[in-house]
Amino acid sequence: MSDIASFHEQKPSKLFIETLEDCELLILHPETKEQLLKSLPKFERVFRLMVQRNLSVTQNRLISTISKSALEKYLEFIEKYPTIPQRVAQHYIASYLGISAEFLSKVRAKIAKGKV
């Protein structure tokens, strides 16, 4: 997870990452990246694939945000990440989906009542 523009342009990021569970964090500086690419050229492919994946995920998320209803976004979310709703507070999920926690609560109630 990174702000690719911030990393490559060496400007402050407009994004931040907050972990909700314990994790391992690896930090890579631009100089370290260049040293890595020089000493292990196969990493060039790894970084290219990471950038392509990031672009694809970002594009799909943007399209979903502007073209799908809250219900569709939530159903897609629980299909893709079935264990997260049991581990993460509802307001974090709502924020990720770009809707209010109150609206997500209504969506979940609708699903629970089988009105989908």
C-alpha atoms as a PDB file:
ATOM      1  CA  MET A   1       0.000   0.000   0.000  1.00  0.00           C
ATOM      2  CA  SER A   2       1.434   3.310  -0.950  1.00  0.00           C
ATOM      3  CA  ASP A   3       0.794   6.666  -2.517  1.00  0.00           C
ATOM      4  CA  ILE A   4       2.609   6.036  -5.793  1.00  0.00           C
ATOM      5  CA  ALA A   5       2.597   9.693  -6.859  1.00  0.00           C
ATOM      6  CA  SER A   6       4.019  10.793  -3.518  1.00  0.00           C
ATOM      7  CA  PHE A   7       6.698   8.100  -3.658  1.00  0.00           C
ATOM      8  CA  HIS A   8       7.877   8.907  -7.184  1.00  0.00           C
ATOM      9  CA  GLU A   9       7.525  12.692  -6.979  1.00  0.00           C
ATOM     10  CA  GLN A  10       8.944  12.866  -3.442  1.00  0.00           C
ATOM     11  CA  LYS A  11       6.077  15.056  -2.264  1.00  0.00           C
ATOM     12  CA  PRO A  12       4.017  14.749   0.920  1.00  0.00           C
ATOM     13  CA  SER A  13       1.250  12.208   0.605  1.00  0.00           C
ATOM     14  CA  LYS A  14      -2.420  13.118   0.608  1.00  0.00           C
ATOM     15  CA  LEU A  15      -3.179   9.634   1.917  1.00  0.00           C
ATOM     16  CA  PHE A  16      -2.513   7.800   5.137  1.00  0.00           C
ATOM     17  CA  ILE A  17      -2.797   4.222   6.235  1.00  0.00           C
ATOM     18  CA  GLU A  18      -4.291   3.167   9.539  1.00  0.00           C
ATOM     19  CA  THR A  19      -4.017  -0.492  10.466  1.00  0.00           C
ATOM     20  CA  LEU A  20      -6.861  -2.093  12.365  1.00  0.00           C
ATOM     21  CA  GLU A  21      -4.986  -5.280  13.161  1.00  0.00           C
ATOM     22  CA  ASP A  22      -1.365  -6.091  13.906  1.00  0.00           C
ATOM     23  CA  CYS A  23       0.715  -6.142  10.769  1.00  0.00           C
ATOM     24  CA  GLU A  24       4.245  -6.119   9.500  1.00  0.00           C
ATOM     25  CA  LEU A  25       5.330  -2.896   7.841  1.00  0.00           C
ATOM     26  CA  LEU A  26       8.154  -2.750   5.326  1.00  0.00           C
ATOM     27  CA  ILE A  27       9.471   0.669   4.368  1.00  0.00           C
ATOM     28  CA  LEU A  28      11.095   1.278   1.027  1.00  0.00           C
ATOM     29  CA  HIS A  29      12.779   4.562   0.150  1.00  0.00           C
ATOM     30  CA  PRO A  30      13.336   5.596  -3.477  1.00  0.00           C
ATOM     31  CA  GLU A  31      17.103   5.203  -3.086  1.00  0.00           C
ATOM     32  CA  THR A  32      16.645   1.712  -1.646  1.00  0.00           C
ATOM     33  CA  LYS A  33      14.312   0.830  -4.508  1.00  0.00           C
ATOM     34  CA  GLU A  34      16.906   1.896  -7.075  1.00  0.00           C
ATOM     35  CA  GLN A  35      19.628  -0.098  -5.306  1.00  0.00           C
ATOM     36  CA  LEU A  36      17.336  -3.116  -5.224  1.00  0.00           C
ATOM     37  CA  LEU A  37      16.551  -2.823  -8.937  1.00  0.00           C
ATOM     38  CA  LYS A  38      20.249  -2.552  -9.795  1.00  0.00           C
ATOM     39  CA  SER A  39      21.266  -5.542  -7.704  1.00  0.00           C
ATOM     40  CA  LEU A  40      18.228  -7.714  -8.548  1.00  0.00           C
ATOM     41  CA  PRO A  41      16.852  -6.731 -11.989  1.00  0.00           C
ATOM     42  CA  LYS A  42      13.930  -9.187 -11.709  1.00  0.00           C
ATOM     43  CA  PHE A  43      12.424  -6.793  -9.176  1.00  0.00           C
ATOM     44  CA  GLU A  44      11.777  -4.374 -12.040  1.00  0.00           C
ATOM     45  CA  ARG A  45       9.047  -6.772 -13.192  1.00  0.00           C
ATOM     46  CA  VAL A  46       7.698  -7.077  -9.647  1.00  0.00           C
ATOM     47  CA  PHE A  47       7.366  -3.301  -9.328  1.00  0.00           C
ATOM     48  CA  ARG A  48       5.795  -3.022 -12.786  1.00  0.00           C
ATOM     49  CA  LEU A  49       3.220  -5.671 -11.889  1.00  0.00           C
ATOM     50  CA  MET A  50       2.507  -3.941  -8.566  1.00  0.00           C
ATOM     51  CA  VAL A  51       1.895  -0.629 -10.338  1.00  0.00           C
ATOM     52  CA  GLN A  52      -0.355  -2.302 -12.922  1.00  0.00           C
ATOM     53  CA  ARG A  53      -2.360  -4.011 -10.169  1.00  0.00           C
ATOM     54  CA  ASN A  54      -2.659  -0.761  -8.243  1.00  0.00           C
ATOM     55  CA  LEU A  55      -3.928   1.041 -11.343  1.00  0.00           C
ATOM     56  CA  SER A  56      -6.450  -1.710 -12.036  1.00  0.00           C
ATOM     57  CA  VAL A  57      -7.753  -1.745  -8.454  1.00  0.00           C
ATOM     58  CA  THR A  58      -7.981   2.057  -8.366  1.00  0.00           C
ATOM     59  CA  GLN A  59      -9.839   2.157 -11.680  1.00  0.00           C
ATOM     60  CA  ASN A  60     -12.301  -0.541 -10.590  1.00  0.00           C
ATOM     61  CA  ARG A  61     -12.908   1.239  -7.300  1.00  0.00           C
ATOM     62  CA  LEU A  62     -13.564   4.533  -9.060  1.00  0.00           C
ATOM     63  CA  ILE A  63     -15.998   2.919 -11.483  1.00  0.00           C
ATOM     64  CA  SER A  64     -17.769   1.153  -8.616  1.00  0.00           C
ATOM     65  CA  THR A  65     -18.025   4.378  -6.621  1.00  0.00           C
ATOM     66  CA  ILE A  66     -19.706   6.292  -9.412  1.00  0.00           C
ATOM     67  CA  SER A  67     -21.827   3.574 -10.974  1.00  0.00           C
ATOM     68  CA  LYS A  68     -23.098   1.271  -8.219  1.00  0.00           C
ATOM     69  CA  SER A  69     -25.660   1.690  -5.488  1.00  0.00           C
ATOM     70  CA  ALA A  70     -24.701   1.353  -1.832  1.00  0.00           C
ATOM     71  CA  LEU A  71     -26.386  -2.045  -1.766  1.00  0.00           C
ATOM     72  CA  GLU A  72     -24.413  -3.250  -4.787  1.00  0.00           C
ATOM     73  CA  LYS A  73     -21.143  -1.946  -3.312  1.00  0.00           C
ATOM     74  CA  TYR A  74     -21.792  -3.663   0.020  1.00  0.00           C
ATOM     75  CA  LEU A  75     -22.804  -6.972  -1.562  1.00  0.00           C
ATOM     76  CA  GLU A  76     -19.672  -6.880  -3.711  1.00  0.00           C
ATOM     77  CA  PHE A  77     -17.600  -6.029  -0.627  1.00  0.00           C
ATOM     78  CA  ILE A  78     -18.894  -8.961   1.440  1.00  0.00           C
ATOM     79  CA  GLU A  79     -18.446 -11.304  -1.506  1.00  0.00           C
ATOM     80  CA  LYS A  80     -14.841 -10.198  -1.928  1.00  0.00           C
ATOM     81  CA  TYR A  81     -14.028  -9.891   1.802  1.00  0.00           C
ATOM     82  CA  PRO A  82     -16.438 -12.235   3.643  1.00  0.00           C
ATOM     83  CA  THR A  83     -14.622 -12.212   7.019  1.00  0.00           C
ATOM     84  CA  ILE A  84     -14.082  -8.469   7.334  1.00  0.00           C
ATOM     85  CA  PRO A  85     -17.569  -7.486   8.595  1.00  0.00           C
ATOM     86  CA  GLN A  86     -16.994  -9.703  11.670  1.00  0.00           C
ATOM     87  CA  ARG A  87     -13.577  -8.160  12.360  1.00  0.00           C
ATOM     88  CA  VAL A  88     -13.947  -4.474  11.477  1.00  0.00           C
ATOM     89  CA  ALA A  89     -16.238  -1.775  12.829  1.00  0.00           C
ATOM     90  CA  GLN A  90     -19.119  -0.836  10.550  1.00  0.00           C
ATOM     91  CA  HIS A  91     -18.034   2.810  10.259  1.00  0.00           C
ATOM     92  CA  TYR A  92     -14.721   1.721   8.700  1.00  0.00           C
ATOM     93  CA  ILE A  93     -16.541  -0.380   6.117  1.00  0.00           C
ATOM     94  CA  ALA A  94     -18.912   2.489   5.375  1.00  0.00           C
ATOM     95  CA  SER A  95     -15.981   4.852   4.918  1.00  0.00           C
ATOM     96  CA  TYR A  96     -14.296   2.390   2.562  1.00  0.00           C
ATOM     97  CA  LEU A  97     -17.509   2.138   0.527  1.00  0.00           C
ATOM     98  CA  GLY A  98     -17.975   5.915   0.467  1.00  0.00           C
ATOM     99  CA  ILE A  99     -21.264   5.932   2.367  1.00  0.00           C
ATOM    100  CA  SER A 100     -22.306   6.939   5.886  1.00  0.00           C
ATOM    101  CA  ALA A 101     -22.390   4.400   8.698  1.00  0.00           C
ATOM    102  CA  GLU A 102     -26.109   5.122   9.118  1.00  0.00           C
ATOM    103  CA  PHE A 103     -26.813   4.333   5.479  1.00  0.00           C
ATOM    104  CA  LEU A 104     -24.749   1.153   5.676  1.00  0.00           C
ATOM    105  CA  SER A 105     -26.840   0.144   8.694  1.00  0.00           C
ATOM    106  CA  LYS A 106     -30.000   0.549   6.571  1.00  0.00           C
ATOM    107  CA  VAL A 107     -28.447  -1.509   3.757  1.00  0.00           C
ATOM    108  CA  ARG A 108     -27.516  -4.277   6.199  1.00  0.00           C
ATOM    109  CA  ALA A 109     -31.018  -4.242   7.718  1.00  0.00           C
ATOM    110  CA  LYS A 110     -32.519  -4.568   4.234  1.00  0.00           C
ATOM    111  CA  ILE A 111     -30.297  -7.584   3.560  1.00  0.00           C
ATOM    112  CA  ALA A 112     -31.146  -9.142   6.927  1.00  0.00           C
ATOM    113  CA  LYS A 113     -34.863  -8.805   6.174  1.00  0.00           C
ATOM    114  CA  GLY A 114     -34.314 -10.495   2.810  1.00  0.00           C
ATOM    115  CA  LYS A 115     -35.488  -7.448   0.847  1.00  0.00           C
ATOM    116  CA  VAL A 116     -32.666  -7.723  -1.664  1.00  0.00           C
END
